Protein backbone atom coordinates (compact mmCIF):
# COMPACT_ATOMS: atom_id res chain seq x y z
CA MET A 1 9.03 32.74 4.88
CA GLY A 2 10.10 34.24 8.19
CA THR A 3 12.03 37.47 8.13
CA SER A 4 14.80 38.78 10.36
CA ASP A 5 13.65 40.54 13.51
CA GLY A 6 16.65 42.89 13.59
CA ASP A 7 19.01 40.97 15.87
CA GLY A 8 20.01 38.46 13.18
CA THR A 9 17.57 35.74 14.18
CA ALA A 10 14.85 34.69 11.79
CA GLU A 11 11.22 34.90 12.80
CA ARG A 12 9.19 31.71 12.87
CA ALA A 13 7.43 31.03 9.58
CA SER A 14 3.65 30.96 9.77
CA ALA A 15 1.89 27.62 9.24
CA PRO A 16 0.82 28.47 5.65
CA GLU A 17 4.38 29.62 4.85
CA ALA A 18 5.83 26.42 6.31
CA MET A 19 3.39 24.27 4.28
CA ARG A 20 4.29 26.01 1.02
CA SER A 21 7.99 25.87 1.86
CA ALA A 22 7.94 22.14 2.64
CA ALA A 23 6.16 21.32 -0.63
CA ARG A 24 8.34 23.61 -2.77
CA GLN A 25 11.68 22.54 -1.36
CA LEU A 26 10.84 18.83 -1.47
CA ALA A 27 9.77 19.18 -5.13
CA GLU A 28 13.11 20.80 -5.96
CA LEU A 29 15.00 17.88 -4.42
CA ILE A 30 13.01 14.89 -5.70
CA GLY A 31 11.87 16.33 -9.04
CA SER A 32 8.18 15.53 -8.51
CA ALA A 33 5.37 17.96 -7.75
CA PRO A 34 3.68 17.36 -4.39
CA ASP A 35 0.06 16.22 -4.42
CA SER A 36 -0.71 17.59 -0.94
CA VAL A 37 0.63 18.43 2.49
CA SER A 38 -1.17 15.96 4.75
CA SER A 39 0.12 17.26 8.08
CA LEU A 40 2.12 20.08 9.62
CA GLN A 41 3.26 20.19 13.23
CA PRO A 42 5.34 22.77 15.08
CA ALA A 43 8.52 21.28 16.54
CA ASP A 44 11.07 22.61 19.02
CA ASP A 45 13.54 23.14 16.20
CA GLY A 46 11.07 24.34 13.53
CA TRP A 47 8.34 22.45 11.69
CA THR A 48 7.64 18.86 10.62
CA ALA A 49 5.42 18.26 7.58
CA HIS A 50 4.21 15.16 5.76
CA VAL A 51 4.01 15.71 2.01
CA GLU A 52 2.24 13.30 -0.37
CA VAL A 53 3.76 12.78 -3.84
CA VAL A 54 2.71 10.72 -6.88
CA GLU A 55 5.73 8.50 -7.58
CA ILE A 56 4.28 6.38 -10.42
CA GLU A 57 1.23 7.54 -12.37
CA ARG A 58 -1.08 4.77 -13.56
CA ILE A 59 -4.50 4.40 -15.14
CA PRO A 60 -6.85 4.25 -13.38
CA GLU A 61 -5.54 6.90 -10.97
CA THR A 62 -6.52 4.80 -7.96
CA THR A 63 -3.64 2.44 -8.83
CA SER A 64 -1.00 5.21 -8.95
CA VAL A 65 1.85 4.73 -6.47
CA MET A 66 2.02 7.47 -3.84
CA ALA A 67 4.70 8.27 -1.28
CA SER A 68 4.57 10.15 1.99
CA TYR A 69 7.66 12.16 2.90
CA ARG A 70 8.50 13.60 6.31
CA VAL A 71 10.03 17.04 5.79
CA ASP A 72 11.86 18.81 8.62
CA LEU A 73 12.14 22.60 8.45
CA ASP A 74 13.95 25.11 10.65
CA PRO A 75 11.85 27.83 12.34
CA SER A 76 12.10 30.14 9.29
CA GLY A 77 10.94 27.39 6.91
CA GLN A 78 14.26 26.27 5.43
CA LEU A 79 14.60 22.55 4.74
CA LEU A 80 16.76 20.62 7.20
CA GLY A 81 16.07 17.12 5.89
CA TYR A 82 13.52 14.75 4.43
CA GLU A 83 12.73 11.03 4.42
CA ARG A 84 10.27 8.86 2.51
CA VAL A 85 8.28 7.14 5.24
CA ARG A 86 5.59 5.27 3.30
CA ARG A 87 4.58 4.08 -0.18
CA TYR A 88 1.00 3.12 -1.03
CA SER A 89 -1.58 2.94 -3.82
CA ARG A 90 -3.62 6.13 -4.24
CA GLY A 91 -6.87 4.21 -3.71
CA GLN A 92 -5.65 2.63 -0.46
CA THR A 93 -7.22 3.84 2.78
CA ASP A 94 -5.45 4.02 6.14
CA ARG A 95 -7.43 1.01 7.39
CA GLU A 96 -6.25 -1.08 4.40
CA SER A 97 -2.61 -0.11 5.00
CA ARG A 98 -2.69 -1.59 8.52
CA ARG A 99 -3.61 -5.11 7.38
């Protein structure tokens, strides 16, 4: 993650650092390993990521219940907050979710 630049302020985390940080810190809080980071955007106050997590594993896998979490990070990659924004079946496409 970002390091101090000498005057006490943290440097901005790189995009790969922010992605890893979002996934790791969310996993620590919810107790489930992330499946993927589906988006990462720079924000004025840091980074915003969307992390996909398997919430309920089922057989076949396409029926597993997934969740998308919005994760807000400060510029150095430290978690500020998170929110589950969507639940869906793994086999569901974006077009199907809009019906």
